[in-house]
């Protein structure tokens, strides 16, 4: 049939065993606490970094909607950097570069490209 030891009452823990279990619980709680504090710290750091990077180069330097080039010109390239838009276009045999302010759209300079 069944083993008589299976139905026996659970034995009381000795004081030494209770002390070992108490230390194990404390160690476990300290480890979990440090893990939670570390995860919170990483989360705060990520949120801080994300909020700081929005103001730097997040597209806020460029609000212009259109750039003006001569009629019939074709755009060769356009580069946005340092708050300026550099536009290279070709009109017939002549190639020119225009530099625009990224916020106002005002043309800062036009540079004709000439051959030597």
N, C-alpha and C. Protein backbone atom coordinates (compact mmCIF):
# COMPACT_ATOMS: atom_id res chain seq x y z
N UNK A 1 0.81 -1.17 0.00
CA UNK A 1 0.00 0.00 0.00
C UNK A 1 0.86 1.24 0.00
N UNK A 2 0.44 2.26 0.72
CA UNK A 2 1.19 3.50 0.72
C UNK A 2 2.24 3.49 1.82
N UNK A 3 3.24 4.27 1.62
CA UNK A 3 4.35 4.37 2.57
C UNK A 3 3.89 5.16 3.80
N UNK A 4 4.14 4.68 5.01
CA UNK A 4 3.67 5.40 6.20
C UNK A 4 4.38 6.76 6.40
N UNK A 5 5.54 6.94 5.82
CA UNK A 5 6.26 8.20 6.00
C UNK A 5 5.62 9.33 5.18
N UNK A 6 4.86 8.99 4.13
CA UNK A 6 4.19 10.01 3.32
C UNK A 6 3.11 10.74 4.12
N UNK A 7 2.48 10.03 5.05
CA UNK A 7 1.41 10.63 5.82
C UNK A 7 1.91 11.28 7.10
N UNK A 8 3.18 11.25 7.33
CA UNK A 8 3.73 11.81 8.56
C UNK A 8 3.64 13.33 8.53
N UNK A 9 3.52 13.91 9.69
CA UNK A 9 3.47 15.36 9.84
C UNK A 9 4.81 15.96 9.42
N UNK A 10 4.78 17.16 8.81
CA UNK A 10 6.06 17.79 8.47
C UNK A 10 6.82 18.16 9.74
N UNK A 11 8.11 17.98 9.64
CA UNK A 11 8.94 18.24 10.81
C UNK A 11 9.20 19.73 10.95
N UNK A 12 9.34 20.17 12.17
CA UNK A 12 9.68 21.56 12.45
C UNK A 12 11.13 21.81 12.04
N UNK A 13 11.39 23.03 11.57
CA UNK A 13 12.76 23.39 11.18
C UNK A 13 13.59 23.68 12.42
N UNK A 14 14.83 23.34 12.31
CA UNK A 14 15.75 23.63 13.41
C UNK A 14 16.11 25.12 13.37
N UNK A 15 16.57 25.70 14.44
CA UNK A 15 16.96 27.11 14.44
C UNK A 15 18.03 27.43 13.40
N UNK A 16 18.96 26.50 13.18
CA UNK A 16 19.99 26.73 12.17
C UNK A 16 19.39 26.79 10.77
N UNK A 17 18.44 25.92 10.50
CA UNK A 17 17.78 25.91 9.18
C UNK A 17 16.98 27.19 8.99
N UNK A 18 16.30 27.64 10.05
CA UNK A 18 15.55 28.89 9.96
C UNK A 18 16.49 30.07 9.69
N UNK A 19 17.66 30.07 10.31
CA UNK A 19 18.63 31.15 10.08
C UNK A 19 19.12 31.14 8.64
N UNK A 20 19.39 29.96 8.11
CA UNK A 20 19.85 29.84 6.72
C UNK A 20 18.75 30.33 5.76
N UNK A 21 17.50 29.92 6.00
CA UNK A 21 16.40 30.39 5.15
C UNK A 21 16.21 31.90 5.27
N UNK A 22 16.38 32.44 6.45
CA UNK A 22 16.26 33.89 6.63
C UNK A 22 17.32 34.64 5.85
N UNK A 23 18.56 34.15 5.90
CA UNK A 23 19.63 34.79 5.13
C UNK A 23 19.38 34.66 3.63
N UNK A 24 18.87 33.51 3.20
CA UNK A 24 18.58 33.32 1.78
C UNK A 24 17.48 34.28 1.32
N UNK A 25 16.45 34.48 2.14
CA UNK A 25 15.38 35.42 1.79
C UNK A 25 15.93 36.84 1.69
N UNK A 26 16.73 37.24 2.66
CA UNK A 26 17.30 38.58 2.64
C UNK A 26 18.17 38.78 1.40
N UNK A 27 18.98 37.79 1.09
CA UNK A 27 19.84 37.87 -0.09
C UNK A 27 19.01 37.97 -1.36
N UNK A 28 17.94 37.18 -1.44
CA UNK A 28 17.05 37.22 -2.60
C UNK A 28 16.39 38.59 -2.73
N UNK A 29 15.88 39.14 -1.65
CA UNK A 29 15.22 40.45 -1.68
C UNK A 29 16.20 41.55 -2.07
N UNK A 30 17.42 41.48 -1.57
CA UNK A 30 18.42 42.48 -1.94
C UNK A 30 18.75 42.38 -3.43
N UNK A 31 18.90 41.16 -3.93
CA UNK A 31 19.19 40.97 -5.36
C UNK A 31 18.06 41.49 -6.24
N UNK A 32 16.84 41.17 -5.89
CA UNK A 32 15.69 41.64 -6.67
C UNK A 32 15.59 43.16 -6.58
N UNK A 33 15.83 43.72 -5.41
CA UNK A 33 15.80 45.17 -5.24
C UNK A 33 16.82 45.86 -6.12
N UNK A 34 18.05 45.33 -6.15
CA UNK A 34 19.08 45.91 -7.01
C UNK A 34 18.72 45.79 -8.48
N UNK A 35 18.13 44.67 -8.86
CA UNK A 35 17.71 44.49 -10.24
C UNK A 35 16.65 45.51 -10.63
N UNK A 36 15.67 45.71 -9.77
CA UNK A 36 14.61 46.69 -10.05
C UNK A 36 15.19 48.10 -10.13
N UNK A 37 16.07 48.46 -9.20
CA UNK A 37 16.68 49.79 -9.22
C UNK A 37 17.50 49.97 -10.50
N UNK A 38 18.22 48.95 -10.93
CA UNK A 38 19.00 49.02 -12.17
C UNK A 38 18.11 49.21 -13.39
N UNK A 39 17.00 48.47 -13.46
CA UNK A 39 16.09 48.61 -14.59
C UNK A 39 15.44 49.99 -14.61
N UNK A 40 15.09 50.52 -13.46
CA UNK A 40 14.52 51.86 -13.40
C UNK A 40 15.55 52.89 -13.86
N UNK A 41 16.81 52.71 -13.44
CA UNK A 41 17.87 53.63 -13.84
C UNK A 41 18.07 53.61 -15.35
N UNK A 42 18.07 52.44 -15.95
CA UNK A 42 18.22 52.33 -17.40
C UNK A 42 17.04 53.00 -18.11
N UNK A 43 15.83 52.79 -17.61
CA UNK A 43 14.66 53.42 -18.20
C UNK A 43 14.72 54.93 -18.13
N UNK A 44 15.12 55.46 -16.98
CA UNK A 44 15.25 56.91 -16.82
C UNK A 44 16.32 57.46 -17.77
N UNK A 45 17.44 56.75 -17.90
CA UNK A 45 18.50 57.20 -18.80
C UNK A 45 18.01 57.22 -20.25
N UNK A 46 17.25 56.23 -20.66
CA UNK A 46 16.72 56.20 -22.03
C UNK A 46 15.75 57.35 -22.28
N UNK A 47 14.88 57.61 -21.33
CA UNK A 47 13.93 58.71 -21.49
C UNK A 47 14.67 60.04 -21.54
N UNK A 48 15.68 60.20 -20.68
CA UNK A 48 16.46 61.44 -20.66
C UNK A 48 17.17 61.65 -22.00
N UNK A 49 17.81 60.60 -22.50
CA UNK A 49 18.52 60.71 -23.78
C UNK A 49 17.57 61.04 -24.92
N UNK A 50 16.40 60.42 -24.93
CA UNK A 50 15.43 60.66 -25.99
C UNK A 50 14.91 62.10 -25.94
N UNK A 51 14.71 62.62 -24.75
CA UNK A 51 14.20 63.99 -24.65
C UNK A 51 15.28 65.01 -24.97
N UNK A 52 16.54 64.69 -24.76
CA UNK A 52 17.62 65.62 -25.06
C UNK A 52 17.95 65.65 -26.55
N UNK A 53 17.78 64.54 -27.23
CA UNK A 53 18.17 64.48 -28.65
C UNK A 53 17.12 65.08 -29.57
N UNK A 54 15.90 65.37 -29.05
CA UNK A 54 14.86 65.93 -29.92
C UNK A 54 15.22 67.31 -30.42
N UNK A 55 15.89 68.12 -29.62
CA UNK A 55 16.21 69.48 -30.02
C UNK A 55 17.40 69.58 -30.94
N UNK A 56 18.20 68.53 -31.05
CA UNK A 56 19.42 68.57 -31.85
C UNK A 56 19.22 67.80 -33.14
N UNK A 57 19.10 68.53 -34.22
CA UNK A 57 19.03 67.89 -35.54
C UNK A 57 17.81 67.03 -35.75
N UNK A 58 16.78 67.23 -34.99
CA UNK A 58 15.58 66.44 -35.14
C UNK A 58 14.66 66.97 -36.22
N UNK A 59 15.17 67.78 -37.15
CA UNK A 59 14.36 68.34 -38.20
C UNK A 59 13.87 69.73 -37.88
N UNK A 60 14.15 70.23 -36.70
CA UNK A 60 13.67 71.55 -36.32
C UNK A 60 14.46 72.67 -37.00
N UNK A 61 15.60 72.35 -37.60
CA UNK A 61 16.40 73.35 -38.29
C UNK A 61 15.86 73.65 -39.70
N UNK A 62 14.92 72.84 -40.18
CA UNK A 62 14.43 72.98 -41.54
C UNK A 62 12.91 73.07 -41.51
N UNK A 63 12.39 74.26 -41.82
CA UNK A 63 10.94 74.44 -41.86
C UNK A 63 10.46 75.00 -43.19
N UNK A 64 11.36 75.17 -44.14
CA UNK A 64 10.96 75.73 -45.43
C UNK A 64 10.13 74.71 -46.21
N UNK A 65 9.21 75.22 -47.00
CA UNK A 65 8.34 74.34 -47.77
C UNK A 65 8.75 74.22 -49.23
N UNK A 66 9.44 75.24 -49.75
CA UNK A 66 9.82 75.22 -51.17
C UNK A 66 11.09 76.04 -51.38
N UNK A 67 11.86 75.66 -52.40
CA UNK A 67 13.06 76.39 -52.80
C UNK A 67 12.86 76.88 -54.22
N UNK A 68 13.37 78.06 -54.50
CA UNK A 68 13.18 78.65 -55.83
C UNK A 68 14.41 78.39 -56.71
N UNK A 69 14.14 77.84 -57.90
CA UNK A 69 15.18 77.68 -58.92
C UNK A 69 14.59 78.20 -60.23
N UNK A 70 15.42 78.54 -61.20
CA UNK A 70 14.92 79.08 -62.47
C UNK A 70 14.02 78.08 -63.20
N UNK A 71 13.10 78.62 -64.00
CA UNK A 71 12.23 77.76 -64.81
C UNK A 71 13.06 76.94 -65.78
N UNK A 72 12.71 75.68 -65.94
CA UNK A 72 13.40 74.80 -66.87
C UNK A 72 14.65 74.14 -66.28
N UNK A 73 15.01 74.49 -65.06
CA UNK A 73 16.21 73.90 -64.45
C UNK A 73 15.88 72.53 -63.89
N UNK A 74 16.88 71.65 -63.90
CA UNK A 74 16.69 70.32 -63.29
C UNK A 74 17.65 70.19 -62.11
N UNK A 75 17.14 69.63 -61.03
CA UNK A 75 17.92 69.48 -59.80
C UNK A 75 18.88 68.30 -59.96
N UNK A 76 20.15 68.56 -59.68
CA UNK A 76 21.17 67.52 -59.74
C UNK A 76 21.30 66.87 -58.36
N UNK A 77 21.37 67.70 -57.29
CA UNK A 77 21.44 67.17 -55.94
C UNK A 77 20.96 68.23 -54.95
N UNK A 78 20.57 67.74 -53.77
CA UNK A 78 20.16 68.62 -52.68
C UNK A 78 20.69 68.01 -51.38
N UNK A 79 21.36 68.84 -50.57
CA UNK A 79 21.95 68.37 -49.32
C UNK A 79 21.53 69.32 -48.20
N UNK A 80 21.01 68.76 -47.11
CA UNK A 80 20.65 69.55 -45.94
C UNK A 80 21.65 69.26 -44.83
N UNK A 81 22.35 70.31 -44.36
CA UNK A 81 23.32 70.15 -43.28
C UNK A 81 23.55 71.48 -42.60
N UNK A 82 23.74 71.44 -41.28
CA UNK A 82 24.06 72.63 -40.49
C UNK A 82 23.05 73.75 -40.66
N UNK A 83 21.78 73.42 -40.80
CA UNK A 83 20.74 74.43 -40.92
C UNK A 83 20.66 75.09 -42.28
N UNK A 84 21.38 74.56 -43.26
CA UNK A 84 21.36 75.11 -44.61
C UNK A 84 21.02 74.00 -45.60
N UNK A 85 20.45 74.41 -46.72
CA UNK A 85 20.15 73.48 -47.81
C UNK A 85 20.99 73.91 -49.01
N UNK A 86 21.80 72.98 -49.49
CA UNK A 86 22.63 73.26 -50.67
C UNK A 86 22.01 72.52 -51.86
N UNK A 87 21.66 73.29 -52.89
CA UNK A 87 20.97 72.75 -54.04
C UNK A 87 21.82 72.95 -55.29
N UNK A 88 22.10 71.88 -56.00
CA UNK A 88 22.83 71.96 -57.26
C UNK A 88 21.83 71.72 -58.38
N UNK A 89 21.80 72.62 -59.34
CA UNK A 89 20.86 72.47 -60.45
C UNK A 89 21.57 72.77 -61.77
N UNK A 90 20.95 72.28 -62.84
CA UNK A 90 21.50 72.47 -64.18
C UNK A 90 20.44 73.13 -65.04
N UNK A 91 20.84 74.22 -65.71
CA UNK A 91 19.96 74.94 -66.62
C UNK A 91 20.67 75.05 -67.95
N UNK A 92 20.27 74.20 -68.88
CA UNK A 92 20.96 74.14 -70.17
C UNK A 92 22.39 73.64 -69.94
N UNK A 93 23.40 74.33 -70.49
CA UNK A 93 24.78 73.89 -70.32
C UNK A 93 25.39 74.37 -68.99
N UNK A 94 24.68 75.23 -68.27
CA UNK A 94 25.25 75.83 -67.07
C UNK A 94 24.78 75.10 -65.81
N UNK A 95 25.74 74.85 -64.90
CA UNK A 95 25.44 74.23 -63.61
C UNK A 95 25.71 75.26 -62.52
N UNK A 96 24.81 75.34 -61.54
CA UNK A 96 24.97 76.30 -60.44
C UNK A 96 24.62 75.63 -59.12
N UNK A 97 25.15 76.24 -58.06
CA UNK A 97 24.88 75.78 -56.70
C UNK A 97 24.24 76.94 -55.95
N UNK A 98 23.12 76.68 -55.30
CA UNK A 98 22.47 77.68 -54.46
C UNK A 98 22.44 77.18 -53.02
N UNK A 99 22.75 78.08 -52.10
CA UNK A 99 22.73 77.75 -50.67
C UNK A 99 21.59 78.55 -50.04
N UNK A 100 20.67 77.84 -49.38
CA UNK A 100 19.50 78.45 -48.76
C UNK A 100 19.55 78.30 -47.24
N UNK A 101 18.95 79.27 -46.54
CA UNK A 101 18.77 79.16 -45.10
C UNK A 101 17.66 78.14 -44.86
N UNK A 102 17.90 77.19 -43.97
CA UNK A 102 16.94 76.11 -43.74
C UNK A 102 15.66 76.54 -43.05
N UNK A 103 15.68 77.63 -42.30
CA UNK A 103 14.48 78.08 -41.59
C UNK A 103 13.66 79.05 -42.42
N UNK A 104 14.31 80.01 -43.05
CA UNK A 104 13.56 81.06 -43.76
C UNK A 104 13.38 80.77 -45.23
N UNK A 105 14.23 79.96 -45.82
CA UNK A 105 14.17 79.70 -47.26
C UNK A 105 14.87 80.76 -48.07
N UNK A 106 15.48 81.74 -47.40
CA UNK A 106 16.18 82.83 -48.08
C UNK A 106 17.45 82.29 -48.73
N UNK A 107 17.70 82.70 -49.99
CA UNK A 107 18.92 82.28 -50.67
C UNK A 107 20.10 83.07 -50.08
N UNK A 108 21.08 82.35 -49.58
CA UNK A 108 22.26 82.96 -49.00
C UNK A 108 23.27 83.29 -50.07
N UNK A 109 23.46 82.35 -50.99
CA UNK A 109 24.50 82.55 -52.02
C UNK A 109 24.21 81.66 -53.21
N UNK A 110 24.62 82.15 -54.40
CA UNK A 110 24.56 81.34 -55.61
C UNK A 110 25.95 81.27 -56.19
N UNK A 111 26.39 80.06 -56.52
CA UNK A 111 27.75 79.85 -57.02
C UNK A 111 27.65 79.18 -58.39
N UNK A 112 28.09 79.85 -59.45
CA UNK A 112 28.11 79.18 -60.76
C UNK A 112 29.28 78.19 -60.83
N UNK A 113 29.04 77.07 -61.44
CA UNK A 113 30.09 76.07 -61.63
C UNK A 113 30.63 76.27 -63.04
N UNK A 114 31.93 76.61 -63.12
CA UNK A 114 32.55 76.86 -64.43
C UNK A 114 33.68 75.86 -64.67
N UNK A 115 33.94 75.57 -65.92
CA UNK A 115 35.03 74.64 -66.24
C UNK A 115 36.32 75.43 -66.42
N UNK A 116 37.43 74.78 -66.19
CA UNK A 116 38.73 75.43 -66.33
C UNK A 116 39.28 75.25 -67.71
